[in-house]
Amino acid sequence: MASKTSDRRAKIEAATPKSRGGANRIVVATVVAVLAIAAIVAGVIIADQNKKSDLSKGGSSLPVGASAMGVGLVANPSAPANVPTLDIWADFQCPACKQFEDAFGNQVNEMAQNNQLRLRVHMLSFLDKNLNNDSSNRSANAAFCAADQDAFLPYFRGLYAIQPAQEGKGYTDAQLRQVAEASGINGAGVDRWQKCYDARDHNQYVESVQTQSAKDGVNSTPTIKLNGKPLQLQGLTPQTFAAQVKAATQ
């Protein structure tokens, strides 16, 4: 299992931009600037999208790691009860989400794999309405199908690594499958992933997370909370993030 995890991590990290020097502080400042603008628009978009959600489309099964409709997926369910919970609300088409992933993804991934925190991810799809496509919904479904194959985190990271530079271009079905294969899903696992994706087995779950997030007041992405409290991105560095996680540990 350790070898499999290492292989997955190597494949994803090879495609993931690495930060240099003080780049983390610069990137996070950019994230905050983007969110300041996006927050105004996102609330309206998310609310409108939820009114039109149709939970009758696609399958109703829960992906591995999700305990109920509307509840975020726990990426590392083996984490002990005394570690803090980090909640991330994200959309695979969100540029600011990619910036957060580029700046903190390696650290969050390592802490989750080492069970230093409990990582709960809420994948949203509201940008489909804004960008006039269905890429957020399809990519969320694809990621949850990867969760069924024990590859959610590698898939999550791999998809952000290839996010199109042009917002709204979205992901092709071929790209979604390629990321699945690069995430360590192989053999019969790829066939199971493809069947799950083609049938949209988890689509009702995708829609339910979108609906519940709006009810919970989440109106922009990325939204990050540590033990239920919003994490301030302004001035955040890997060092201060690690310190906050340590302070939140019981």
Protein backbone atom coordinates (compact mmCIF):
# COMPACT_ATOMS: atom_id res chain seq x y z
CA MET A 1 0.00 0.00 0.00
CA ALA A 2 2.84 2.40 0.84
CA SER A 3 4.47 1.74 -2.52
CA LYS A 4 1.17 2.32 -4.32
CA THR A 5 0.67 5.60 -2.48
CA SER A 6 4.23 6.71 -3.24
CA ASP A 7 3.80 5.93 -6.93
CA ARG A 8 0.59 7.93 -7.06
CA ARG A 9 2.14 10.84 -5.23
CA ALA A 10 5.14 10.86 -7.57
CA LYS A 11 2.92 10.95 -10.67
CA ILE A 12 0.76 13.79 -9.37
CA GLU A 13 3.57 15.83 -7.83
CA ALA A 14 5.55 15.56 -11.06
CA ALA A 15 2.73 17.43 -12.78
CA THR A 16 2.08 19.82 -9.91
CA PRO A 17 3.82 23.23 -9.90
CA LYS A 18 6.31 23.60 -7.06
CA SER A 19 6.60 26.83 -5.06
CA ARG A 20 9.94 28.63 -4.80
CA GLY A 21 11.10 30.99 -2.09
CA GLY A 22 8.34 33.37 -1.05
CA ALA A 23 5.99 32.30 -3.81
CA ASN A 24 3.44 30.94 -1.35
CA ARG A 25 2.82 34.37 0.13
CA ILE A 26 2.44 35.90 -3.33
CA VAL A 27 0.08 33.18 -4.52
CA VAL A 28 -2.12 33.44 -1.45
CA ALA A 29 -2.30 37.21 -1.85
CA THR A 30 -3.54 36.56 -5.38
CA VAL A 31 -6.11 34.10 -4.06
CA VAL A 32 -7.43 36.67 -1.62
CA ALA A 33 -7.65 39.31 -4.33
CA VAL A 34 -9.59 36.96 -6.57
CA LEU A 35 -11.94 35.95 -3.77
CA ALA A 36 -12.68 39.56 -2.92
CA ILE A 37 -14.17 39.95 -6.38
CA ALA A 38 -15.61 36.45 -6.72
CA ALA A 39 -17.47 36.47 -3.42
CA ILE A 40 -19.84 39.18 -4.63
CA VAL A 41 -20.83 37.25 -7.74
CA ALA A 42 -20.62 33.69 -6.46
CA GLY A 43 -23.43 33.97 -3.92
CA VAL A 44 -25.94 34.91 -6.60
CA ILE A 45 -24.68 32.25 -8.98
CA ILE A 46 -24.72 29.48 -6.38
CA ALA A 47 -28.22 30.40 -5.20
CA ASP A 48 -29.54 30.42 -8.76
CA GLN A 49 -27.88 27.10 -9.55
CA ASN A 50 -29.44 25.45 -6.52
CA LYS A 51 -32.94 26.47 -7.55
CA LYS A 52 -32.45 24.55 -10.78
CA SER A 53 -30.76 21.45 -9.37
CA ASP A 54 -32.43 18.24 -10.51
CA LEU A 55 -31.57 15.40 -8.17
CA SER A 56 -33.43 12.90 -10.38
CA LYS A 57 -30.60 12.91 -12.93
CA GLY A 58 -27.86 10.31 -12.59
CA GLY A 59 -27.25 7.79 -9.85
CA SER A 60 -27.93 8.14 -6.14
CA SER A 61 -25.04 6.14 -4.68
CA LEU A 62 -22.61 7.72 -2.24
CA PRO A 63 -18.91 7.69 -3.09
CA VAL A 64 -16.46 6.06 -0.71
CA GLY A 65 -15.69 8.60 2.01
CA ALA A 66 -19.11 10.29 2.01
CA SER A 67 -21.46 9.43 4.86
CA ALA A 68 -24.64 11.11 3.58
CA MET A 69 -26.07 13.32 0.86
CA GLY A 70 -24.87 16.91 1.13
CA VAL A 71 -21.95 16.04 3.41
CA GLY A 72 -18.36 16.51 2.26
CA LEU A 73 -16.21 13.52 1.37
CA VAL A 74 -13.57 12.55 3.93
CA ALA A 75 -10.39 11.90 1.97
CA ASN A 76 -8.63 10.10 4.85
CA PRO A 77 -11.28 8.29 6.91
CA SER A 78 -8.61 6.57 9.02
CA ALA A 79 -7.69 9.87 10.70
CA PRO A 80 -8.07 9.66 14.50
CA ALA A 81 -10.80 11.58 16.31
CA ASN A 82 -8.42 13.98 18.07
CA VAL A 83 -7.04 15.64 14.93
CA PRO A 84 -8.59 18.84 13.54
CA THR A 85 -10.90 18.80 10.53
CA LEU A 86 -9.98 20.84 7.47
CA ASP A 87 -12.96 21.51 5.21
CA ILE A 88 -12.33 22.64 1.64
CA TRP A 89 -15.09 23.86 -0.69
CA ALA A 90 -13.81 23.97 -4.26
CA ASP A 91 -14.84 23.84 -7.91
CA PHE A 92 -12.55 22.18 -10.45
CA GLN A 93 -13.02 25.13 -12.83
CA CYS A 94 -12.12 27.72 -10.16
CA PRO A 95 -8.76 29.46 -10.86
CA ALA A 96 -8.41 30.61 -7.24
CA CYS A 97 -8.88 27.01 -6.10
CA LYS A 98 -5.97 25.98 -8.30
CA GLN A 99 -3.87 28.78 -6.81
CA PHE A 100 -4.60 27.48 -3.31
CA GLU A 101 -3.76 23.95 -4.45
CA ASP A 102 -0.49 25.14 -6.01
CA ALA A 103 0.48 26.95 -2.81
CA PHE A 104 -0.68 24.48 -0.15
CA GLY A 105 -1.61 21.24 -1.90
CA ASN A 106 1.61 19.39 -1.13
CA GLN A 107 1.38 20.31 2.54
CA VAL A 108 -2.33 19.50 2.91
CA ASN A 109 -1.86 16.20 1.08
CA GLU A 110 1.06 15.18 3.29
CA MET A 111 -0.74 16.14 6.50
CA ALA A 112 -3.83 14.19 5.41
CA GLN A 113 -1.80 11.10 4.50
CA ASN A 114 -0.01 11.30 7.85
CA ASN A 115 -3.37 11.73 9.62
CA GLN A 116 -2.34 15.07 11.12
CA LEU A 117 -5.72 16.39 10.06
CA ARG A 118 -9.03 15.07 8.81
CA LEU A 119 -9.55 16.36 5.27
CA ARG A 120 -13.15 16.82 4.17
CA VAL A 121 -13.73 18.01 0.61
CA HIS A 122 -16.93 19.55 -0.75
CA MET A 123 -16.81 19.63 -4.56
CA LEU A 124 -19.09 22.29 -6.03
CA SER A 125 -20.38 22.73 -9.57
CA PHE A 126 -21.87 26.23 -9.61
CA LEU A 127 -19.37 27.51 -12.19
CA ASP A 128 -21.13 25.46 -14.87
CA LYS A 129 -23.90 28.06 -14.84
CA ASN A 130 -21.48 30.97 -15.05
CA LEU A 131 -19.28 29.43 -17.74
CA ASN A 132 -22.11 27.84 -19.72
CA ASN A 133 -20.72 24.31 -19.66
CA ASP A 134 -21.01 21.15 -17.56
CA SER A 135 -17.34 20.65 -16.76
CA SER A 136 -17.60 21.25 -13.01
CA ASN A 137 -20.33 18.64 -12.68
CA ARG A 138 -18.54 16.09 -14.87
CA SER A 139 -15.20 16.55 -13.13
CA ALA A 140 -16.78 16.27 -9.67
CA ASN A 141 -18.48 13.03 -10.74
CA ALA A 142 -15.15 11.79 -12.11
CA ALA A 143 -13.36 12.58 -8.85
CA PHE A 144 -15.96 10.76 -6.77
CA CYS A 145 -15.69 7.73 -9.07
CA ALA A 146 -11.94 7.88 -8.36
CA ALA A 147 -12.75 7.87 -4.63
CA ASP A 148 -14.43 4.49 -5.14
CA GLN A 149 -11.07 3.25 -6.44
CA ASP A 150 -9.13 4.64 -3.45
CA ALA A 151 -7.69 7.47 -5.52
CA PHE A 152 -9.60 10.62 -4.59
CA LEU A 153 -6.67 12.75 -3.45
CA PRO A 154 -4.38 11.87 -6.37
CA TYR A 155 -7.27 12.57 -8.73
CA PHE A 156 -8.15 15.87 -7.02
CA ARG A 157 -4.56 17.05 -7.28
CA GLY A 158 -4.05 15.73 -10.79
CA LEU A 159 -7.09 17.53 -12.17
CA TYR A 160 -5.99 20.89 -10.77
CA ALA A 161 -2.54 20.28 -12.24
CA ILE A 162 -4.05 20.29 -15.74
CA GLN A 163 -6.70 22.98 -15.21
CA PRO A 164 -6.99 24.90 -18.52
CA ALA A 165 -5.38 28.35 -18.48
CA GLN A 166 -8.46 29.68 -20.26
CA GLU A 167 -11.33 29.76 -17.78
CA GLY A 168 -14.41 28.11 -19.23
CA LYS A 169 -12.57 25.74 -21.55
CA GLY A 170 -13.24 22.91 -19.15
CA TYR A 171 -12.08 19.30 -19.24
CA THR A 172 -12.73 16.72 -21.93
CA ASP A 173 -13.90 13.21 -21.09
CA ALA A 174 -10.57 11.94 -22.41
CA GLN A 175 -8.67 14.20 -19.99
CA LEU A 176 -10.77 13.00 -17.08
CA ARG A 177 -9.91 9.39 -17.92
CA GLN A 178 -6.22 10.22 -18.38
CA VAL A 179 -6.09 11.74 -14.90
CA ALA A 180 -7.75 8.60 -13.52
CA GLU A 181 -5.02 6.45 -15.05
CA ALA A 182 -2.29 8.83 -13.82
CA SER A 183 -3.77 8.64 -10.31
CA GLY A 184 -2.93 4.98 -9.96
CA ILE A 185 -6.20 3.49 -11.19
CA ASN A 186 -5.39 0.66 -13.57
CA GLY A 187 -6.60 -2.62 -14.98
CA ALA A 188 -10.14 -3.49 -13.95
CA GLY A 189 -10.15 -0.38 -11.79
CA VAL A 190 -10.15 1.82 -14.88
CA ASP A 191 -13.13 -0.10 -16.25
CA ARG A 192 -14.99 0.37 -12.95
CA TRP A 193 -14.11 4.08 -12.93
CA GLN A 194 -15.33 4.46 -16.53
CA LYS A 195 -18.60 2.65 -15.84
CA CYS A 196 -19.20 4.81 -12.76
CA TYR A 197 -18.41 7.98 -14.69
CA ASP A 198 -20.50 7.11 -17.76
CA ALA A 199 -23.53 6.33 -15.58
CA ARG A 200 -22.92 9.37 -13.36
CA ASP A 201 -23.37 7.07 -10.37
CA HIS A 202 -22.76 9.89 -7.90
CA ASN A 203 -24.55 12.75 -9.65
CA GLN A 204 -27.26 13.13 -7.02
CA TYR A 205 -24.53 13.36 -4.41
CA VAL A 206 -22.76 16.06 -6.47
CA GLU A 207 -25.98 18.07 -6.65
CA SER A 208 -26.74 17.57 -2.96
CA VAL A 209 -23.34 18.94 -1.93
CA GLN A 210 -23.98 22.01 -4.08
CA THR A 211 -27.38 22.55 -2.48
CA GLN A 212 -26.20 21.98 1.10
CA SER A 213 -23.18 24.26 0.68
CA ALA A 214 -25.42 27.17 -0.28
CA LYS A 215 -27.64 26.46 2.74
CA ASP A 216 -24.51 26.54 4.89
CA GLY A 217 -23.63 30.01 3.59
CA VAL A 218 -20.71 29.03 1.37
CA ASN A 219 -20.77 31.63 -1.41
CA SER A 220 -17.26 31.55 -2.86
CA THR A 221 -14.50 29.11 -3.71
CA PRO A 222 -12.15 28.19 -2.31
CA THR A 223 -13.66 28.36 1.15
CA ILE A 224 -11.40 26.80 3.80
CA LYS A 225 -12.41 26.08 7.39
CA LEU A 226 -10.39 24.57 10.23
CA ASN A 227 -12.60 22.95 12.86
CA GLY A 228 -15.54 24.91 11.48
CA LYS A 229 -13.83 28.30 11.61
CA PRO A 230 -12.92 30.17 8.39
CA LEU A 231 -9.21 30.04 7.66
CA GLN A 232 -7.85 33.48 6.82
CA LEU A 233 -5.87 33.23 3.59
CA GLN A 234 -4.34 36.68 3.75
CA GLY A 235 -0.73 36.35 4.85
CA LEU A 236 -1.02 32.59 5.25
CA THR A 237 2.22 30.64 4.76
CA PRO A 238 2.99 26.93 5.11
CA GLN A 239 4.56 27.71 8.48
CA THR A 240 1.55 29.60 9.86
CA PHE A 241 -0.82 27.00 8.43
CA ALA A 242 1.07 24.19 10.18
CA ALA A 243 1.02 26.19 13.42
CA GLN A 244 -2.75 26.66 13.20
CA VAL A 245 -3.30 22.95 12.60
CA LYS A 246 -1.07 22.11 15.57
CA ALA A 247 -2.90 24.58 17.79
CA ALA A 248 -6.25 23.06 16.77
CA THR A 249 -5.11 19.52 17.60
CA GLN A 250 -6.73 18.26 20.80
